[in-house]
C-alpha cells in the first residue's frame, strides 16, 4: 500500500470529509511522527507497534570490492517493533476473501 492508497481508503471510510482534507490529515500524522522521531521520542500505537530511534555506533567495515577497511560513522536510525495484535493478524492464514479489512 502506498500513501496515496492509504488516503483513498481513509477517504472512502469518511465520506463526510473531502479527499483533500483527508490527505492533509494523513500528511500531518506522518509529519508529526517523523518530527517526534527526529526529536528522539518513542511512538507507540497500541495493537500496531512502536517506533523508536536506535543509535548505531561508529565501526570499521570493509569495502567489498577492495577488502580495505573503511570507517563507518555513527548514525541514528528509525526502528519499528511490531505489536502482538498485528503480528497475530499477519500470521493468520489468508481467508478466501483476502483483501477484507479485518482487524484495525
PDB file of N, CA and C in Angstrom:
ATOM      1  N   UNK A   1       0.846  -1.177   0.000  1.00  0.00           N
ATOM      2  CA  UNK A   1       0.000   0.000   0.000  1.00  0.00           C
ATOM      3  C   UNK A   1       0.889   1.237   0.000  1.00  0.00           C
ATOM      4  N   UNK A   2       0.529   2.195  -0.786  1.00  0.00           N
ATOM      5  CA  UNK A   2       1.243   3.464  -0.836  1.00  0.00           C
ATOM      6  C   UNK A   2       0.507   4.507   0.005  1.00  0.00           C
ATOM      7  N   UNK A   3       1.137   5.670   0.184  1.00  0.00           N
ATOM      8  CA  UNK A   3       0.475   6.734   0.924  1.00  0.00           C
ATOM      9  C   UNK A   3      -0.800   7.157   0.203  1.00  0.00           C
ATOM     10  N   UNK A   4      -0.751   7.204  -1.121  1.00  0.00           N
ATOM     11  CA  UNK A   4      -1.945   7.534  -1.897  1.00  0.00           C
ATOM     12  C   UNK A   4      -3.056   6.516  -1.686  1.00  0.00           C
ATOM     13  N   UNK A   5      -2.688   5.242  -1.622  1.00  0.00           N
ATOM     14  CA  UNK A   5      -3.672   4.190  -1.352  1.00  0.00           C
ATOM     15  C   UNK A   5      -4.286   4.331   0.025  1.00  0.00           C
ATOM     16  N   UNK A   6      -3.458   4.693   0.997  1.00  0.00           N
ATOM     17  CA  UNK A   6      -3.956   4.905   2.354  1.00  0.00           C
ATOM     18  C   UNK A   6      -4.938   6.075   2.379  1.00  0.00           C
ATOM     19  N   UNK A   7      -4.605   7.144   1.690  1.00  0.00           N
ATOM     20  CA  UNK A   7      -5.503   8.305   1.621  1.00  0.00           C
ATOM     21  C   UNK A   7      -6.829   7.893   0.998  1.00  0.00           C
ATOM     22  N   UNK A   8      -6.790   7.071  -0.046  1.00  0.00           N
ATOM     23  CA  UNK A   8      -8.021   6.589  -0.690  1.00  0.00           C
ATOM     24  C   UNK A   8      -8.891   5.807   0.295  1.00  0.00           C
ATOM     25  N   UNK A   9      -8.285   4.880   1.036  1.00  0.00           N
ATOM     26  CA  UNK A   9      -9.030   4.048   1.981  1.00  0.00           C
ATOM     27  C   UNK A   9      -9.666   4.915   3.070  1.00  0.00           C
ATOM     28  N   UNK A  10      -8.890   5.858   3.605  1.00  0.00           N
ATOM     29  CA  UNK A  10      -9.423   6.731   4.651  1.00  0.00           C
ATOM     30  C   UNK A  10     -10.533   7.614   4.086  1.00  0.00           C
ATOM     31  N   UNK A  11     -10.346   8.126   2.888  1.00  0.00           N
ATOM     32  CA  UNK A  11     -11.369   8.976   2.262  1.00  0.00           C
ATOM     33  C   UNK A  11     -12.667   8.200   2.044  1.00  0.00           C
ATOM     34  N   UNK A  12     -12.560   6.937   1.647  1.00  0.00           N
ATOM     35  CA  UNK A  12     -13.759   6.109   1.451  1.00  0.00           C
ATOM     36  C   UNK A  12     -14.464   5.835   2.783  1.00  0.00           C
ATOM     37  N   UNK A  13     -13.683   5.709   3.855  1.00  0.00           N
ATOM     38  CA  UNK A  13     -14.257   5.430   5.172  1.00  0.00           C
ATOM     39  C   UNK A  13     -14.881   6.658   5.817  1.00  0.00           C
ATOM     40  N   UNK A  14     -14.526   7.834   5.312  1.00  0.00           N
ATOM     41  CA  UNK A  14     -15.029   9.084   5.892  1.00  0.00           C
ATOM     42  C   UNK A  14     -15.601   9.969   4.779  1.00  0.00           C
ATOM     43  N   UNK A  15     -16.765   9.592   4.253  1.00  0.00           N
ATOM     44  CA  UNK A  15     -17.330  10.347   3.126  1.00  0.00           C
ATOM     45  C   UNK A  15     -17.697  11.794   3.470  1.00  0.00           C
ATOM     46  N   UNK A  16     -17.826  12.115   4.751  1.00  0.00           N
ATOM     47  CA  UNK A  16     -18.156  13.474   5.164  1.00  0.00           C
ATOM     48  C   UNK A  16     -16.947  14.408   5.152  1.00  0.00           C
ATOM     49  N   UNK A  17     -15.763  13.858   4.901  1.00  0.00           N
ATOM     50  CA  UNK A  17     -14.541  14.660   4.830  1.00  0.00           C
ATOM     51  C   UNK A  17     -14.025  14.598   3.394  1.00  0.00           C
ATOM     52  N   UNK A  18     -13.630  15.723   2.840  1.00  0.00           N
ATOM     53  CA  UNK A  18     -13.150  15.752   1.462  1.00  0.00           C
ATOM     54  C   UNK A  18     -11.827  14.989   1.340  1.00  0.00           C
ATOM     55  N   UNK A  19     -11.539  14.549   0.138  1.00  0.00           N
ATOM     56  CA  UNK A  19     -10.296  13.808  -0.101  1.00  0.00           C
ATOM     57  C   UNK A  19      -9.088  14.697   0.176  1.00  0.00           C
ATOM     58  N   UNK A  20      -9.180  15.971  -0.153  1.00  0.00           N
ATOM     59  CA  UNK A  20      -8.084  16.912   0.094  1.00  0.00           C
ATOM     60  C   UNK A  20      -7.834  17.044   1.595  1.00  0.00           C
ATOM     61  N   UNK A  21      -8.913  17.137   2.389  1.00  0.00           N
ATOM     62  CA  UNK A  21      -8.753  17.219   3.843  1.00  0.00           C
ATOM     63  C   UNK A  21      -8.192  15.919   4.412  1.00  0.00           C
ATOM     64  N   UNK A  22      -8.601  14.797   3.835  1.00  0.00           N
ATOM     65  CA  UNK A  22      -8.065  13.502   4.257  1.00  0.00           C
ATOM     66  C   UNK A  22      -6.564  13.443   4.000  1.00  0.00           C
ATOM     67  N   UNK A  23      -6.150  13.944   2.847  1.00  0.00           N
ATOM     68  CA  UNK A  23      -4.721  13.979   2.519  1.00  0.00           C
ATOM     69  C   UNK A  23      -3.958  14.844   3.522  1.00  0.00           C
ATOM     70  N   UNK A  24      -4.530  15.969   3.904  1.00  0.00           N
ATOM     71  CA  UNK A  24      -3.889  16.848   4.887  1.00  0.00           C
ATOM     72  C   UNK A  24      -3.742  16.128   6.222  1.00  0.00           C
ATOM     73  N   UNK A  25      -4.766  15.401   6.646  1.00  0.00           N
ATOM     74  CA  UNK A  25      -4.721  14.672   7.920  1.00  0.00           C
ATOM     75  C   UNK A  25      -3.628  13.595   7.879  1.00  0.00           C
ATOM     76  N   UNK A  26      -3.600  12.793   6.816  1.00  0.00           N
ATOM     77  CA  UNK A  26      -2.601  11.721   6.698  1.00  0.00           C
ATOM     78  C   UNK A  26      -1.195  12.324   6.685  1.00  0.00           C
ATOM     79  N   UNK A  27      -0.985  13.372   5.904  1.00  0.00           N
ATOM     80  CA  UNK A  27       0.336  14.014   5.854  1.00  0.00           C
ATOM     81  C   UNK A  27       0.724  14.592   7.211  1.00  0.00           C
ATOM     82  N   UNK A  28      -0.220  15.174   7.924  1.00  0.00           N
ATOM     83  CA  UNK A  28       0.057  15.735   9.250  1.00  0.00           C
ATOM     84  C   UNK A  28       0.475  14.648  10.231  1.00  0.00           C
ATOM     85  N   UNK A  29      -0.201  13.506  10.162  1.00  0.00           N
ATOM     86  CA  UNK A  29       0.161  12.385  11.046  1.00  0.00           C
ATOM     87  C   UNK A  29       1.590  11.937  10.765  1.00  0.00           C
ATOM     88  N   UNK A  30       1.923  11.731   9.484  1.00  0.00           N
ATOM     89  CA  UNK A  30       3.279  11.285   9.139  1.00  0.00           C
ATOM     90  C   UNK A  30       4.336  12.322   9.514  1.00  0.00           C
ATOM     91  N   UNK A  31       4.040  13.604   9.271  1.00  0.00           N
ATOM     92  CA  UNK A  31       4.995  14.653   9.631  1.00  0.00           C
ATOM     93  C   UNK A  31       5.203  14.714  11.137  1.00  0.00           C
ATOM     94  N   UNK A  32       4.133  14.547  11.913  1.00  0.00           N
ATOM     95  CA  UNK A  32       4.237  14.560  13.375  1.00  0.00           C
ATOM     96  C   UNK A  32       5.069  13.384  13.871  1.00  0.00           C
ATOM     97  N   UNK A  33       4.863  12.225  13.264  1.00  0.00           N
ATOM     98  CA  UNK A  33       5.632  11.047  13.659  1.00  0.00           C
ATOM     99  C   UNK A  33       7.113  11.241  13.327  1.00  0.00           C
ATOM    100  N   UNK A  34       7.402  11.762  12.143  1.00  0.00           N
ATOM    101  CA  UNK A  34       8.791  11.981  11.735  1.00  0.00           C
ATOM    102  C   UNK A  34       9.465  12.995  12.671  1.00  0.00           C
ATOM    103  N   UNK A  35       8.739  14.059  13.014  1.00  0.00           N
ATOM    104  CA  UNK A  35       9.286  15.076  13.913  1.00  0.00           C
ATOM    105  C   UNK A  35       9.563  14.485  15.298  1.00  0.00           C
ATOM    106  N   UNK A  36       8.650  13.655  15.790  1.00  0.00           N
ATOM    107  CA  UNK A  36       8.839  13.027  17.099  1.00  0.00           C
ATOM    108  C   UNK A  36      10.088  12.139  17.092  1.00  0.00           C
ATOM    109  N   UNK A  37      10.262  11.357  16.048  1.00  0.00           N
ATOM    110  CA  UNK A  37      11.447  10.504  15.962  1.00  0.00           C
ATOM    111  C   UNK A  37      12.719  11.340  15.838  1.00  0.00           C
ATOM    112  N   UNK A  38      12.636  12.421  15.074  1.00  0.00           N
ATOM    113  CA  UNK A  38      13.781  13.308  14.930  1.00  0.00           C
ATOM    114  C   UNK A  38      14.187  13.885  16.283  1.00  0.00           C
ATOM    115  N   UNK A  39      13.193  14.149  17.148  1.00  0.00           N
ATOM    116  CA  UNK A  39      13.457  14.675  18.484  1.00  0.00           C
ATOM    117  C   UNK A  39      13.821  13.590  19.493  1.00  0.00           C
ATOM    118  N   UNK A  40      13.914  12.343  19.036  1.00  0.00           N
ATOM    119  CA  UNK A  40      14.309  11.245  19.919  1.00  0.00           C
ATOM    120  C   UNK A  40      13.169  10.639  20.712  1.00  0.00           C
ATOM    121  N   UNK A  41      11.934  11.002  20.392  1.00  0.00           N
ATOM    122  CA  UNK A  41      10.784  10.458  21.114  1.00  0.00           C
ATOM    123  C   UNK A  41      10.431   9.064  20.591  1.00  0.00           C
ATOM    124  N   UNK A  42       9.757   8.304  21.424  1.00  0.00           N
ATOM    125  CA  UNK A  42       9.262   6.978  21.060  1.00  0.00           C
ATOM    126  C   UNK A  42       7.785   7.114  20.719  1.00  0.00           C
ATOM    127  N   UNK A  43       7.340   6.414  19.680  1.00  0.00           N
ATOM    128  CA  UNK A  43       5.935   6.445  19.270  1.00  0.00           C
ATOM    129  C   UNK A  43       5.369   5.057  19.486  1.00  0.00           C
ATOM    130  N   UNK A  44       4.250   4.972  20.208  1.00  0.00           N
ATOM    131  CA  UNK A  44       3.604   3.676  20.430  1.00  0.00           C
ATOM    132  C   UNK A  44       2.159   3.751  19.968  1.00  0.00           C
ATOM    133  N   UNK A  45       1.792   2.853  19.066  1.00  0.00           N
ATOM    134  CA  UNK A  45       0.415   2.742  18.601  1.00  0.00           C
ATOM    135  C   UNK A  45      -0.065   1.371  19.049  1.00  0.00           C
ATOM    136  N   UNK A  46      -0.852   1.353  20.095  1.00  0.00           N
ATOM    137  CA  UNK A  46      -1.291   0.084  20.697  1.00  0.00           C
ATOM    138  C   UNK A  46      -1.946  -0.822  19.669  1.00  0.00           C
ATOM    139  N   UNK A  47      -1.565  -2.077  19.691  1.00  0.00           N
ATOM    140  CA  UNK A  47      -2.116  -3.058  18.764  1.00  0.00           C
ATOM    141  C   UNK A  47      -1.424  -3.071  17.414  1.00  0.00           C
ATOM    142  N   UNK A  48      -0.623  -2.044  17.130  1.00  0.00           N
ATOM    143  CA  UNK A  48       0.060  -1.951  15.837  1.00  0.00           C
ATOM    144  C   UNK A  48       1.562  -2.140  16.015  1.00  0.00           C
ATOM    145  N   UNK A  49       2.174  -1.294  16.834  1.00  0.00           N
ATOM    146  CA  UNK A  49       3.603  -1.412  17.062  1.00  0.00           C
ATOM    147  C   UNK A  49       4.176  -0.125  17.605  1.00  0.00           C
ATOM    148  N   UNK A  50       5.493  -0.086  17.717  1.00  0.00           N
ATOM    149  CA  UNK A  50       6.154   1.111  18.224  1.00  0.00           C
ATOM    150  C   UNK A  50       7.341   1.466  17.340  1.00  0.00           C
ATOM    151  N   UNK A  51       7.604   2.753  17.282  1.00  0.00           N
ATOM    152  CA  UNK A  51       8.736   3.291  16.537  1.00  0.00           C
ATOM    153  C   UNK A  51       9.669   3.956  17.537  1.00  0.00           C
ATOM    154  N   UNK A  52      10.956   3.788  17.322  1.00  0.00           N
ATOM    155  CA  UNK A  52      11.926   4.495  18.149  1.00  0.00           C
ATOM    156  C   UNK A  52      13.200   4.665  17.339  1.00  0.00           C
ATOM    157  N   UNK A  53      14.068   5.509  17.828  1.00  0.00           N
ATOM    158  CA  UNK A  53      15.341   5.746  17.157  1.00  0.00           C
ATOM    159  C   UNK A  53      16.412   4.956  17.891  1.00  0.00           C
ATOM    160  N   UNK A  54      17.182   4.190  17.136  1.00  0.00           N
ATOM    161  CA  UNK A  54      18.302   3.456  17.719  1.00  0.00           C
ATOM    162  C   UNK A  54      19.589   4.080  17.198  1.00  0.00           C
ATOM    163  N   UNK A  55      20.588   4.113  18.053  1.00  0.00           N
ATOM    164  CA  UNK A  55      21.881   4.672  17.678  1.00  0.00           C
ATOM    165  C   UNK A  55      22.815   3.533  17.310  1.00  0.00           C
ATOM    166  N   UNK A  56      23.342   3.622  16.111  1.00  0.00           N
ATOM    167  CA  UNK A  56      24.357   2.647  15.678  1.00  0.00           C
ATOM    168  C   UNK A  56      25.713   3.305  15.866  1.00  0.00           C
ATOM    169  N   UNK A  57      26.544   2.692  16.680  1.00  0.00           N
ATOM    170  CA  UNK A  57      27.861   3.246  16.988  1.00  0.00           C
ATOM    171  C   UNK A  57      28.759   3.224  15.747  1.00  0.00           C
ATOM    172  N   UNK A  58      29.764   4.071  15.768  1.00  0.00           N
ATOM    173  CA  UNK A  58      30.757   4.073  14.690  1.00  0.00           C
ATOM    174  C   UNK A  58      31.473   2.724  14.713  1.00  0.00           C
ATOM    175  N   UNK A  59      31.831   2.262  13.536  1.00  0.00           N
ATOM    176  CA  UNK A  59      32.509   0.963  13.467  1.00  0.00           C
ATOM    177  C   UNK A  59      33.380   0.911  12.222  1.00  0.00           C
ATOM    178  N   UNK A  60      34.160  -0.137  12.155  1.00  0.00           N
ATOM    179  CA  UNK A  60      35.006  -0.342  10.988  1.00  0.00           C
ATOM    180  C   UNK A  60      34.363  -1.394  10.095  1.00  0.00           C
ATOM    181  N   UNK A  61      34.209  -1.068   8.825  1.00  0.00           N
ATOM    182  CA  UNK A  61      33.674  -2.013   7.863  1.00  0.00           C
ATOM    183  C   UNK A  61      34.723  -2.319   6.805  1.00  0.00           C
ATOM    184  N   UNK A  62      34.311  -3.015   5.780  1.00  0.00           N
ATOM    185  CA  UNK A  62      35.234  -3.356   4.691  1.00  0.00           C
ATOM    186  C   UNK A  62      34.608  -2.974   3.360  1.00  0.00           C
ATOM    187  N   UNK A  63      35.416  -2.431   2.485  1.00  0.00           N
ATOM    188  CA  UNK A  63      34.990  -2.166   1.122  1.00  0.00           C
ATOM    189  C   UNK A  63      34.878  -3.525   0.436  1.00  0.00           C
ATOM    190  N   UNK A  64      33.680  -3.918  -0.025  1.00  0.00           N
ATOM    191  CA  UNK A  64      33.524  -5.256  -0.594  1.00  0.00           C
ATOM    192  C   UNK A  64      34.330  -5.470  -1.889  1.00  0.00           C
ATOM    193  N   UNK A  65      34.632  -4.390  -2.577  1.00  0.00           N
ATOM    194  CA  UNK A  65      35.369  -4.513  -3.842  1.00  0.00           C
ATOM    195  C   UNK A  65      36.870  -4.722  -3.601  1.00  0.00           C
ATOM    196  N   UNK A  66      37.432  -3.946  -2.654  1.00  0.00           N
ATOM    197  CA  UNK A  66      38.878  -3.998  -2.440  1.00  0.00           C
ATOM    198  C   UNK A  66      39.277  -4.722  -1.160  1.00  0.00           C
ATOM    199  N   UNK A  67      38.323  -4.860  -0.233  1.00  0.00           N
ATOM    200  CA  UNK A  67      38.637  -5.505   1.044  1.00  0.00           C
ATOM    201  C   UNK A  67      39.297  -4.564   2.031  1.00  0.00           C
ATOM    202  N   UNK A  68      39.521  -3.308   1.632  1.00  0.00           N
ATOM    203  CA  UNK A  68      40.164  -2.346   2.522  1.00  0.00           C
ATOM    204  C   UNK A  68      39.226  -1.935   3.652  1.00  0.00           C
ATOM    205  N   UNK A  69      39.792  -1.681   4.845  1.00  0.00           N
ATOM    206  CA  UNK A  69      38.965  -1.220   5.963  1.00  0.00           C
ATOM    207  C   UNK A  69      38.400   0.184   5.677  1.00  0.00           C
ATOM    208  N   UNK A  70      37.176   0.411   6.097  1.00  0.00           N
ATOM    209  CA  UNK A  70      36.512   1.699   5.906  1.00  0.00           C
ATOM    210  C   UNK A  70      35.859   2.088   7.224  1.00  0.00           C
ATOM    211  N   UNK A  71      36.008   3.355   7.627  1.00  0.00           N
ATOM    212  CA  UNK A  71      35.364   3.843   8.842  1.00  0.00           C
ATOM    213  C   UNK A  71      33.906   4.172   8.527  1.00  0.00           C
ATOM    214  N   UNK A  72      32.993   3.609   9.297  1.00  0.00           N
ATOM    215  CA  UNK A  72      31.569   3.893   9.161  1.00  0.00           C
ATOM    216  C   UNK A  72      31.186   4.730  10.376  1.00  0.00           C
ATOM    217  N   UNK A  73      30.670   5.928  10.126  1.00  0.00           N
ATOM    218  CA  UNK A  73      30.357   6.841  11.225  1.00  0.00           C
ATOM    219  C   UNK A  73      29.094   6.402  11.963  1.00  0.00           C
ATOM    220  N   UNK A  74      28.950   6.909  13.178  1.00  0.00           N
ATOM    221  CA  UNK A  74      27.762   6.622  13.981  1.00  0.00           C
ATOM    222  C   UNK A  74      26.544   7.245  13.304  1.00  0.00           C
ATOM    223  N   UNK A  75      25.400   6.608  13.484  1.00  0.00           N
ATOM    224  CA  UNK A  75      24.175   7.177  12.917  1.00  0.00           C
ATOM    225  C   UNK A  75      22.981   6.778  13.743  1.00  0.00           C
ATOM    226  N   UNK A  76      21.937   7.589  13.616  1.00  0.00           N
ATOM    227  CA  UNK A  76      20.656   7.310  14.267  1.00  0.00           C
ATOM    228  C   UNK A  76      19.727   6.768  13.190  1.00  0.00           C
ATOM    229  N   UNK A  77      19.047   5.672  13.496  1.00  0.00           N
ATOM    230  CA  UNK A  77      18.186   5.059  12.501  1.00  0.00           C
ATOM    231  C   UNK A  77      16.831   4.694  13.118  1.00  0.00           C
ATOM    232  N   UNK A  78      15.733   4.897  12.374  1.00  0.00           N
ATOM    233  CA  UNK A  78      14.421   4.537  12.910  1.00  0.00           C
ATOM    234  C   UNK A  78      14.265   3.018  12.980  1.00  0.00           C
ATOM    235  N   UNK A  79      13.570   2.556  14.001  1.00  0.00           N
ATOM    236  CA  UNK A  79      13.370   1.126  14.220  1.00  0.00           C
ATOM    237  C   UNK A  79      11.900   0.903  14.547  1.00  0.00           C
ATOM    238  N   UNK A  80      11.292  -0.102  13.917  1.00  0.00           N
ATOM    239  CA  UNK A  80       9.889  -0.433  14.166  1.00  0.00           C
ATOM    240  C   UNK A  80       9.814  -1.803  14.810  1.00  0.00           C
ATOM    241  N   UNK A  81       9.071  -1.892  15.898  1.00  0.00           N
ATOM    242  CA  UNK A  81       8.822  -3.177  16.550  1.00  0.00           C
ATOM    243  C   UNK A  81       7.332  -3.453  16.449  1.00  0.00           C
ATOM    244  N   UNK A  82       6.986  -4.540  15.787  1.00  0.00           N
ATOM    245  CA  UNK A  82       5.585  -4.878  15.553  1.00  0.00           C
ATOM    246  C   UNK A  82       4.896  -5.244  16.866  1.00  0.00           C
ATOM    247  N   UNK A  83       3.629  -4.848  16.998  1.00  0.00           N
ATOM    248  CA  UNK A  83       2.842  -5.172  18.180  1.00  0.00           C
ATOM    249  C   UNK A  83       2.288  -6.585  18.104  1.00  0.00           C
ATOM    250  N   UNK A  84       1.937  -7.126  19.242  1.00  0.00           N
ATOM    251  CA  UNK A  84       1.448  -8.503  19.335  1.00  0.00           C
ATOM    252  C   UNK A  84       0.204  -8.723  18.473  1.00  0.00           C
ATOM    253  N   UNK A  85      -0.764  -7.801  18.542  1.00  0.00           N
ATOM    254  CA  UNK A  85      -2.009  -7.979  17.777  1.00  0.00           C
ATOM    255  C   UNK A  85      -1.766  -7.961  16.279  1.00  0.00           C
ATOM    256  N   UNK A  86      -0.908  -7.062  15.798  1.00  0.00           N
ATOM    257  CA  UNK A  86      -0.601  -7.007  14.365  1.00  0.00           C
ATOM    258  C   UNK A  86       0.149  -8.260  13.936  1.00  0.00           C
ATOM    259  N   UNK A  87       1.072  -8.705  14.765  1.00  0.00           N
ATOM    260  CA  UNK A  87       1.834  -9.915  14.458  1.00  0.00           C
ATOM    261  C   UNK A  87       0.900 -11.105  14.300  1.00  0.00           C
ATOM    262  N   UNK A  88      -0.070 -11.238  15.223  1.00  0.00           N
ATOM    263  CA  UNK A  88      -1.026 -12.346  15.150  1.00  0.00           C
ATOM    264  C   UNK A  88      -1.939 -12.210  13.938  1.00  0.00           C
ATOM    265  N   UNK A  89      -2.355 -10.989  13.612  1.00  0.00           N
ATOM    266  CA  UNK A  89      -3.220 -10.750  12.457  1.00  0.00           C
ATOM    267  C   UNK A  89      -2.510 -11.144  11.157  1.00  0.00           C
ATOM    268  N   UNK A  90      -1.268 -10.768  11.027  1.00  0.00           N
ATOM    269  CA  UNK A  90      -0.492 -11.077   9.821  1.00  0.00           C
ATOM    270  C   UNK A  90      -0.222 -12.573   9.714  1.00  0.00           C
ATOM    271  N   UNK A  91      -0.075 -13.229  10.856  1.00  0.00           N
ATOM    272  CA  UNK A  91       0.270 -14.648  10.875  1.00  0.00           C
ATOM    273  C   UNK A  91      -0.912 -15.556  10.542  1.00  0.00           C
ATOM    274  N   UNK A  92      -2.138 -15.024  10.622  1.00  0.00           N
ATOM    275  CA  UNK A  92      -3.301 -15.850  10.292  1.00  0.00           C
ATOM    276  C   UNK A  92      -3.256 -16.272   8.842  1.00  0.00           C
ATOM    277  N   UNK A  93      -3.818 -17.439   8.583  1.00  0.00           N
ATOM    278  CA  UNK A  93      -3.906 -17.903   7.200  1.00  0.00           C
ATOM    279  C   UNK A  93      -4.864 -16.996   6.431  1.00  0.00           C
ATOM    280  N   UNK A  94      -4.518 -16.670   5.173  1.00  0.00           N
ATOM    281  CA  UNK A  94      -5.436 -15.821   4.397  1.00  0.00           C
ATOM    282  C   UNK A  94      -6.756 -16.533   4.163  1.00  0.00           C
ATOM    283  N   UNK A  95      -7.843 -15.795   4.314  1.00  0.00           N
ATOM    284  CA  UNK A  95      -9.163 -16.373   4.088  1.00  0.00           C
ATOM    285  C   UNK A  95      -9.498 -16.257   2.608  1.00  0.00           C
ATOM    286  N   UNK A  96     -10.533 -16.996   2.147  1.00  0.00           N
ATOM    287  CA  UNK A  96     -10.920 -16.912   0.719  1.00  0.00           C
ATOM    288  C   UNK A  96     -11.235 -15.483   0.286  1.00  0.00           C
ATOM    289  N   UNK A  97     -11.693 -14.656   1.205  1.00  0.00           N
ATOM    290  CA  UNK A  97     -11.987 -13.265   0.862  1.00  0.00           C
ATOM    291  C   UNK A  97     -10.809 -12.375   1.226  1.00  0.00           C
ATOM    292  N   UNK A  98      -9.587 -12.760   0.773  1.00  0.00           N
ATOM    293  CA  UNK A  98      -8.403 -11.967   1.059  1.00  0.00           C
ATOM    294  C   UNK A  98      -8.599 -10.576   0.496  1.00  0.00           C
ATOM    295  N   UNK A  99      -8.272  -9.610   1.298  1.00  0.00           N
ATOM    296  CA  UNK A  99      -8.485  -8.239   0.895  1.00  0.00           C
ATOM    297  C   UNK A  99      -9.525  -7.567   1.761  1.00  0.00           C
ATOM    298  N   UNK A 100     -10.201  -8.355   2.592  1.00  0.00           N
ATOM    299  CA  UNK A 100     -11.144  -7.737   3.523  1.00  0.00           C
ATOM    300  C   UNK A 100     -10.330  -6.981   4.566  1.00  0.00           C
ATOM    301  N   UNK A 101     -10.889  -5.922   5.082  1.00  0.00           N
ATOM    302  CA  UNK A 101     -10.145  -5.095   6.038  1.00  0.00           C
ATOM    303  C   UNK A 101     -10.563  -5.469   7.448  1.00  0.00           C
ATOM    304  N   UNK A 102     -10.091  -6.622   7.917  1.00  0.00           N
ATOM    305  CA  UNK A 102     -10.417  -7.019   9.278  1.00  0.00           C
ATOM    306  C   UNK A 102      -9.286  -6.604  10.208  1.00  0.00           C
ATOM    307  N   UNK A 103      -9.587  -6.422  11.441  1.00  0.00           N
ATOM    308  CA  UNK A 103      -8.565  -6.071  12.419  1.00  0.00           C
ATOM    309  C   UNK A 103      -8.673  -4.624  12.839  1.00  0.00           C
ATOM    310  N   UNK A 104      -7.952  -3.742  12.197  1.00  0.00           N
ATOM    311  CA  UNK A 104      -7.893  -2.346  12.613  1.00  0.00           C
ATOM    312  C   UNK A 104      -8.997  -1.615  11.950  1.00  0.00           C
TER     313      UNK A 104
END
